[in-house]
Amino acid sequence: MALADQSLSVSVDRRQRARHLHGVLAMGLIVVCVTSLAVGASGTSLWQALWGLAMGQGISATDAVILWDIRAPRTLLGACVGAALAVSGAVMQGLFRNPLADPGLLGVNAGAGLGALLAIVVGTALPLGIATYLGDALLPVMASVGAWASMMLLYAVATRSGRTSVATMLLAGIALAALTGALSGLLVFHADDMQLRELTFWQLGSLSGSTWAKVAIAGPVILLATLIATTLARGLNGLALGESSAHHIGINVQRTKNIAILAVSAATGAAVAVSGGIGFVGIVVPHLLRLATGPDHHGLLINSALLGASLLLLADIISRFVVAPAELPIGIVTAVLGAPFFLWILLRRRNVVDL
């Protein structure tokens, strides 16, 4: 009885810490967002602009363009992408019951990359004037289509008689990544120097091309998918006990899998489509939060969204100043910061993950 009381006390304490962390991370995200709006390569000052508005003096047209049309969509899109990648990582780790799981395991990133490459190399040759109609939205739209096509193919392969095998989906994701890599290689072979340069920068990841059009394309998808993912807390907690145990305590395991796969694919596909290849956010953020508040997904998913948004915006701020006045691709920053942490997780979990 004493052991049960102690276990209950620990669980309650962790939930309280998770709730307290909600407020801390929300305040931190506000601070990071304001910082992202305030800093940049130009000399435009957010504070001077706000002071001018408060005093009725207005702001210059140049400052208005920089703050509203460049920094504001970049900040909003960065927060959305960071939240999407972090929540997707938390859901994947709960689904696979492995702290090293990542959204890329579903092959969504590979599919999005193939779609982006198609837009870059053969976009102008698309029929029915699609390239002209979509304009600058062609690349994110094609990347999203590639991500969804990959997800649907994986789901069809891994589902049999209404039941989805997570192990089969993982293996199929590896095979699909190899196939899309080969197709991408064929396209790269036919690409010219300008197209190769554009592809390279897209694969490295960046928020420099953020626009309100991209926010309108990816924002609603990411927001809806992230909100849906946060409803999976009870199901993911049950899956931690194993599928059989989860079924016995009243959890619809197949429904949880279906929603998780769809939400992760939508959020990750939209994020990758507008930002390119940004790694390690989905691994690092959920693991940090598990160390702080435990494995309960009720607090983990919400906190992952808040911390993921903040960390990606911080990485973006760093990318603006490391090689100023030029800009370092954000994927390089997240890799430099995330790879050592990933190795540390791997070393700590050697008794769990037998490589």
Protein backbone atom coordinates (compact mmCIF):
# COMPACT_ATOMS: atom_id res chain seq x y z
CA MET A 1 0.00 0.00 0.00
CA ALA A 2 2.84 2.37 0.86
CA LEU A 3 4.49 1.66 -2.50
CA ALA A 4 1.24 2.40 -4.35
CA ASP A 5 0.79 5.66 -2.43
CA GLN A 6 4.37 6.67 -3.25
CA SER A 7 3.84 5.89 -6.95
CA LEU A 8 0.62 7.94 -6.99
CA SER A 9 2.39 10.83 -5.27
CA VAL A 10 5.18 10.79 -7.89
CA SER A 11 2.60 10.75 -10.71
CA VAL A 12 0.69 13.69 -9.25
CA ASP A 13 3.91 15.63 -8.71
CA ARG A 14 4.96 15.07 -12.32
CA ARG A 15 1.59 16.27 -13.62
CA GLN A 16 1.83 19.39 -11.48
CA ARG A 17 5.33 20.07 -12.82
CA ALA A 18 4.04 19.57 -16.37
CA ARG A 19 1.22 22.09 -15.78
CA HIS A 20 3.62 24.61 -14.26
CA LEU A 21 5.91 24.10 -17.23
CA HIS A 22 3.04 25.05 -19.57
CA GLY A 23 3.14 28.62 -18.25
CA VAL A 24 6.93 28.85 -18.21
CA LEU A 25 7.26 27.60 -21.79
CA ALA A 26 4.42 29.84 -22.99
CA MET A 27 6.15 32.90 -21.52
CA GLY A 28 9.44 31.76 -23.01
CA LEU A 29 7.84 31.40 -26.43
CA ILE A 30 6.47 34.95 -26.22
CA VAL A 31 9.94 36.27 -25.37
CA VAL A 32 11.55 34.35 -28.24
CA CYS A 33 8.88 35.54 -30.69
CA VAL A 34 9.44 39.17 -29.71
CA THR A 35 13.21 38.66 -30.03
CA SER A 36 12.76 37.15 -33.49
CA LEU A 37 10.73 40.20 -34.54
CA ALA A 38 13.27 42.59 -33.05
CA VAL A 39 16.50 41.26 -34.58
CA GLY A 40 17.71 41.00 -38.15
CA ALA A 41 20.36 42.01 -40.64
CA SER A 42 18.75 45.39 -41.26
CA GLY A 43 18.87 48.27 -38.82
CA THR A 44 15.09 48.25 -38.34
CA SER A 45 14.17 48.41 -34.66
CA LEU A 46 10.92 46.94 -33.41
CA TRP A 47 11.00 49.16 -30.34
CA GLN A 48 11.45 52.37 -32.34
CA ALA A 49 8.59 51.33 -34.60
CA LEU A 50 6.31 50.65 -31.63
CA TRP A 51 7.32 53.93 -30.01
CA GLY A 52 6.57 55.80 -33.22
CA LEU A 53 3.12 54.21 -33.42
CA ALA A 54 2.45 54.98 -29.76
CA MET A 55 3.40 58.63 -30.27
CA GLY A 56 1.29 58.92 -33.41
CA GLN A 57 4.32 59.44 -35.65
CA GLY A 58 3.85 56.24 -37.65
CA ILE A 59 6.69 54.20 -39.18
CA SER A 60 8.46 54.33 -42.50
CA ALA A 61 7.35 52.18 -45.41
CA THR A 62 10.67 50.30 -45.34
CA ASP A 63 10.38 49.45 -41.65
CA ALA A 64 6.76 48.35 -42.16
CA VAL A 65 7.78 45.98 -44.96
CA ILE A 66 10.66 44.51 -42.94
CA LEU A 67 8.64 44.01 -39.77
CA TRP A 68 5.32 42.92 -41.26
CA ASP A 69 6.21 41.21 -44.56
CA ILE A 70 9.58 39.64 -43.64
CA ARG A 71 10.05 39.13 -39.90
CA ALA A 72 6.43 38.51 -38.87
CA PRO A 73 5.69 35.60 -41.27
CA ARG A 74 9.14 34.18 -40.58
CA THR A 75 8.49 34.18 -36.83
CA LEU A 76 5.02 32.70 -37.15
CA LEU A 77 6.12 30.04 -39.63
CA GLY A 78 9.15 29.13 -37.49
CA ALA A 79 6.94 28.65 -34.43
CA CYS A 80 4.52 26.47 -36.42
CA VAL A 81 7.28 24.32 -37.91
CA GLY A 82 9.04 23.84 -34.56
CA ALA A 83 5.79 22.87 -32.84
CA ALA A 84 4.87 20.45 -35.65
CA LEU A 85 8.24 18.67 -35.62
CA ALA A 86 8.39 18.41 -31.82
CA VAL A 87 4.82 17.12 -31.38
CA SER A 88 5.30 14.69 -34.26
CA GLY A 89 8.44 13.39 -32.58
CA ALA A 90 6.63 12.90 -29.27
CA VAL A 91 3.78 11.02 -30.99
CA MET A 92 6.18 8.82 -32.97
CA GLN A 93 8.19 7.95 -29.88
CA GLY A 94 4.98 7.01 -28.07
CA LEU A 95 3.71 4.99 -31.04
CA PHE A 96 6.97 3.06 -31.50
CA ARG A 97 7.70 3.01 -27.74
CA ASN A 98 11.24 4.14 -28.53
CA PRO A 99 12.89 7.47 -27.54
CA LEU A 100 14.97 7.42 -30.74
CA ALA A 101 11.96 7.45 -33.07
CA ASP A 102 11.64 10.41 -35.41
CA PRO A 103 9.00 11.70 -37.85
CA GLY A 104 11.35 10.85 -40.70
CA LEU A 105 10.80 7.14 -39.99
CA LEU A 106 7.51 7.28 -41.90
CA GLY A 107 9.30 8.35 -45.06
CA VAL A 108 7.35 11.61 -45.09
CA ASN A 109 10.52 13.69 -45.35
CA ALA A 110 11.75 11.63 -48.29
CA GLY A 111 8.43 12.00 -50.09
CA ALA A 112 8.38 15.74 -49.46
CA GLY A 113 11.93 16.00 -50.77
CA LEU A 114 10.99 14.21 -53.99
CA GLY A 115 8.00 16.50 -54.45
CA ALA A 116 10.18 19.57 -53.93
CA LEU A 117 12.75 18.28 -56.39
CA LEU A 118 10.04 17.72 -58.99
CA ALA A 119 8.90 21.32 -58.50
CA ILE A 120 12.46 22.65 -58.88
CA VAL A 121 13.58 20.54 -61.86
CA VAL A 122 10.44 19.97 -63.94
CA GLY A 123 8.01 22.48 -62.43
CA THR A 124 7.75 24.58 -65.58
CA ALA A 125 6.89 21.49 -67.64
CA LEU A 126 3.84 20.57 -65.53
CA PRO A 127 0.61 20.39 -67.57
CA LEU A 128 -2.42 22.70 -67.48
CA GLY A 129 -0.36 25.71 -66.50
CA ILE A 130 -0.04 24.46 -62.91
CA ALA A 131 3.32 26.17 -62.35
CA THR A 132 2.00 29.53 -63.55
CA TYR A 133 -1.17 29.24 -61.49
CA LEU A 134 0.61 28.32 -58.23
CA GLY A 135 3.61 30.64 -58.67
CA ASP A 136 5.79 30.76 -55.53
CA ALA A 137 3.48 28.25 -53.84
CA LEU A 138 4.47 25.52 -56.33
CA LEU A 139 7.34 24.13 -54.23
CA PRO A 140 5.50 23.83 -50.90
CA VAL A 141 2.40 22.43 -52.61
CA MET A 142 4.43 19.80 -54.48
CA ALA A 143 6.35 18.91 -51.33
CA SER A 144 3.06 18.48 -49.45
CA VAL A 145 1.69 16.27 -52.22
CA GLY A 146 4.85 14.14 -52.07
CA ALA A 147 4.56 13.79 -48.29
CA TRP A 148 0.90 12.75 -48.44
CA ALA A 149 1.54 10.32 -51.31
CA SER A 150 4.30 8.65 -49.28
CA MET A 151 2.05 8.40 -46.23
CA MET A 152 -0.83 6.86 -48.17
CA LEU A 153 1.48 4.31 -49.79
CA LEU A 154 3.00 3.31 -46.46
CA TYR A 155 -0.42 3.06 -44.85
CA ALA A 156 -1.66 0.80 -47.67
CA VAL A 157 1.38 -1.47 -47.35
CA ALA A 158 1.26 -1.74 -43.53
CA THR A 159 -2.51 -2.22 -43.16
CA ARG A 160 -4.09 -5.62 -43.55
CA SER A 161 -7.61 -6.64 -42.57
CA GLY A 162 -8.11 -3.27 -40.89
CA ARG A 163 -5.02 -3.60 -38.66
CA THR A 164 -1.88 -1.51 -39.12
CA SER A 165 1.51 -3.01 -38.25
CA VAL A 166 3.89 -0.39 -36.87
CA ALA A 167 6.90 -2.66 -37.56
CA THR A 168 5.85 -3.14 -41.19
CA MET A 169 5.37 0.59 -41.56
CA LEU A 170 8.89 1.22 -40.24
CA LEU A 171 10.46 -1.24 -42.70
CA ALA A 172 8.33 0.07 -45.56
CA GLY A 173 9.44 3.61 -44.66
CA ILE A 174 13.08 2.57 -45.04
CA ALA A 175 12.35 0.98 -48.43
CA LEU A 176 10.38 4.02 -49.58
CA ALA A 177 13.20 6.35 -48.54
CA ALA A 178 15.59 4.31 -50.69
CA LEU A 179 13.20 4.39 -53.65
CA THR A 180 12.57 8.14 -53.43
CA GLY A 181 16.32 8.64 -53.05
CA ALA A 182 16.89 6.81 -56.33
CA LEU A 183 14.19 8.83 -58.12
CA SER A 184 15.63 12.03 -56.67
CA GLY A 185 19.04 10.99 -57.99
CA LEU A 186 17.63 10.71 -61.50
CA LEU A 187 16.19 14.21 -61.25
CA VAL A 188 19.44 15.60 -59.85
CA PHE A 189 21.27 14.04 -62.79
CA HIS A 190 19.16 16.14 -65.16
CA ALA A 191 19.21 19.34 -63.09
CA ASP A 192 21.27 22.37 -64.08
CA ASP A 193 23.59 24.32 -61.76
CA MET A 194 20.94 26.81 -60.66
CA GLN A 195 18.44 24.05 -59.85
CA LEU A 196 21.08 22.11 -57.92
CA ARG A 197 21.87 25.19 -55.85
CA GLU A 198 18.20 25.77 -55.05
CA LEU A 199 17.75 22.10 -54.14
CA THR A 200 20.80 22.12 -51.87
CA PHE A 201 19.58 25.13 -49.90
CA TRP A 202 16.10 23.62 -49.58
CA GLN A 203 17.52 20.36 -48.22
CA LEU A 204 19.60 22.26 -45.63
CA GLY A 205 16.46 23.94 -44.31
CA SER A 206 15.73 27.62 -43.96
CA LEU A 207 13.05 30.10 -42.95
CA SER A 208 14.49 32.91 -45.04
CA GLY A 209 11.85 32.57 -47.74
CA SER A 210 8.92 32.82 -45.35
CA THR A 211 5.91 34.67 -46.68
CA TRP A 212 2.29 35.13 -45.65
CA ALA A 213 1.37 32.83 -48.55
CA LYS A 214 3.40 30.00 -47.00
CA VAL A 215 1.85 30.72 -43.61
CA ALA A 216 -1.60 30.47 -45.21
CA ILE A 217 -0.67 27.16 -46.88
CA ALA A 218 1.04 25.38 -44.01
CA GLY A 219 -0.29 27.13 -40.90
CA PRO A 220 -3.85 25.75 -40.83
CA VAL A 221 -2.66 22.21 -41.64
CA ILE A 222 -0.01 22.28 -38.91
CA LEU A 223 -2.38 23.81 -36.36
CA LEU A 224 -5.15 21.28 -37.02
CA ALA A 225 -2.79 18.29 -37.07
CA THR A 226 -1.05 19.43 -33.86
CA LEU A 227 -4.37 19.94 -32.05
CA ILE A 228 -5.50 16.46 -33.13
CA ALA A 229 -2.21 14.96 -31.96
CA THR A 230 -2.65 16.42 -28.48
CA THR A 231 -5.88 14.41 -28.10
CA LEU A 232 -3.91 11.15 -28.32
CA ALA A 233 -2.39 11.42 -24.83
CA ARG A 234 -4.50 8.67 -23.21
CA GLY A 235 -4.00 6.29 -26.14
CA LEU A 236 -0.22 6.82 -26.22
CA ASN A 237 -0.01 6.33 -22.46
CA GLY A 238 -1.85 3.04 -22.89
CA LEU A 239 0.41 1.92 -25.76
CA ALA A 240 3.39 2.31 -23.44
CA LEU A 241 2.08 -0.81 -21.68
CA GLY A 242 1.90 -2.74 -24.96
CA GLU A 243 -0.89 -3.10 -27.50
CA SER A 244 -2.55 -6.02 -25.71
CA SER A 245 -2.60 -4.23 -22.35
CA ALA A 246 -3.85 -1.03 -23.98
CA HIS A 247 -6.74 -2.93 -25.56
CA HIS A 248 -7.70 -4.47 -22.23
CA ILE A 249 -7.95 -1.09 -20.50
CA GLY A 250 -10.40 0.17 -23.10
CA ILE A 251 -8.19 1.92 -25.66
CA ASN A 252 -9.02 1.56 -29.35
CA VAL A 253 -5.48 0.74 -30.46
CA GLN A 254 -6.13 0.77 -34.22
CA ARG A 255 -7.96 4.09 -34.04
CA THR A 256 -5.09 5.59 -32.05
CA LYS A 257 -2.60 4.36 -34.66
CA ASN A 258 -4.66 5.73 -37.54
CA ILE A 259 -5.03 9.19 -36.00
CA ALA A 260 -1.37 9.31 -34.95
CA ILE A 261 -0.11 8.38 -38.42
CA LEU A 262 -2.39 10.87 -40.17
CA ALA A 263 -1.59 13.70 -37.75
CA VAL A 264 2.17 13.14 -37.91
CA SER A 265 2.15 12.87 -41.70
CA ALA A 266 0.11 16.05 -42.10
CA ALA A 267 2.11 18.11 -39.61
CA THR A 268 5.52 16.91 -40.77
CA GLY A 269 4.65 17.12 -44.46
CA ALA A 270 3.44 20.71 -44.15
CA ALA A 271 6.44 21.69 -42.02
CA VAL A 272 9.03 20.14 -44.34
CA ALA A 273 7.28 21.62 -47.37
CA VAL A 274 7.76 25.23 -46.23
CA SER A 275 11.06 24.96 -44.33
CA GLY A 276 13.05 22.18 -45.99
CA GLY A 277 15.06 19.58 -44.12
CA ILE A 278 15.33 20.45 -40.42
CA GLY A 279 16.44 17.57 -38.24
CA PHE A 280 16.72 16.56 -34.58
CA VAL A 281 13.93 18.79 -33.23
CA GLY A 282 11.58 15.81 -33.08
CA ILE A 283 14.11 13.76 -31.08
CA VAL A 284 15.60 16.33 -28.74
CA VAL A 285 12.51 18.21 -27.53
CA PRO A 286 10.37 15.26 -26.31
CA HIS A 287 13.34 13.63 -24.61
CA LEU A 288 14.25 16.82 -22.75
CA LEU A 289 10.69 17.11 -21.49
CA ARG A 290 10.56 13.46 -20.42
CA LEU A 291 13.63 14.09 -18.28
CA ALA A 292 11.86 17.07 -16.67
CA THR A 293 8.28 15.86 -16.22
CA GLY A 294 8.17 12.15 -16.98
CA PRO A 295 6.52 10.16 -19.81
CA ASP A 296 2.87 11.20 -19.31
CA HIS A 297 1.69 12.40 -22.72
CA HIS A 298 -1.03 14.65 -21.25
CA GLY A 299 1.58 17.28 -20.45
CA LEU A 300 4.28 16.09 -22.85
CA LEU A 301 2.47 16.86 -26.10
CA ILE A 302 1.49 20.43 -25.19
CA ASN A 303 4.92 21.20 -23.76
CA SER A 304 6.56 19.71 -26.85
CA ALA A 305 4.67 22.17 -29.05
CA LEU A 306 5.73 25.14 -26.91
CA LEU A 307 9.37 24.10 -26.51
CA GLY A 308 9.73 22.99 -30.13
CA ALA A 309 8.50 26.37 -31.35
CA SER A 310 10.90 28.22 -29.03
CA LEU A 311 13.95 26.11 -29.89
CA LEU A 312 13.46 26.40 -33.63
CA LEU A 313 13.06 30.17 -33.38
CA LEU A 314 16.22 30.33 -31.25
CA ALA A 315 18.07 28.29 -33.88
CA ASP A 316 16.77 30.68 -36.54
CA ILE A 317 18.00 33.70 -34.54
CA ILE A 318 21.43 32.05 -34.24
CA SER A 319 21.48 31.33 -37.99
CA ARG A 320 21.05 35.07 -38.70
CA PHE A 321 24.12 36.13 -36.70
CA VAL A 322 26.70 33.32 -37.01
CA VAL A 323 27.84 34.41 -40.48
CA ALA A 324 26.19 37.87 -40.63
CA PRO A 325 25.38 39.63 -42.91
CA ALA A 326 24.89 36.28 -44.68
CA GLU A 327 22.56 33.66 -43.23
CA LEU A 328 23.37 30.09 -42.20
CA PRO A 329 20.78 27.44 -43.13
CA ILE A 330 18.82 26.57 -40.01
CA GLY A 331 19.18 22.84 -40.66
CA ILE A 332 22.92 23.18 -40.03
CA VAL A 333 22.31 24.88 -36.68
CA THR A 334 19.83 22.23 -35.48
CA ALA A 335 22.17 19.44 -36.61
CA VAL A 336 25.17 20.92 -34.81
CA LEU A 337 23.13 21.31 -31.61
CA GLY A 338 21.06 18.15 -31.93
CA ALA A 339 23.56 15.52 -33.09
CA PRO A 340 25.63 15.51 -29.85
CA PHE A 341 22.41 15.31 -27.83
CA PHE A 342 21.21 12.41 -29.98
CA LEU A 343 24.47 10.54 -29.33
CA TRP A 344 24.06 11.19 -25.60
CA ILE A 345 20.54 9.73 -25.71
CA LEU A 346 21.88 6.72 -27.60
CA LEU A 347 24.59 6.08 -25.03
CA ARG A 348 22.12 6.39 -22.16
CA ARG A 349 19.65 4.00 -23.80
CA ARG A 350 22.06 1.28 -24.86
CA ASN A 351 20.42 -1.11 -22.42
CA VAL A 352 17.05 -0.49 -24.12
CA VAL A 353 18.06 -0.17 -27.77
CA ASP A 354 20.30 -3.00 -28.80
CA LEU A 355 22.15 -1.89 -31.89
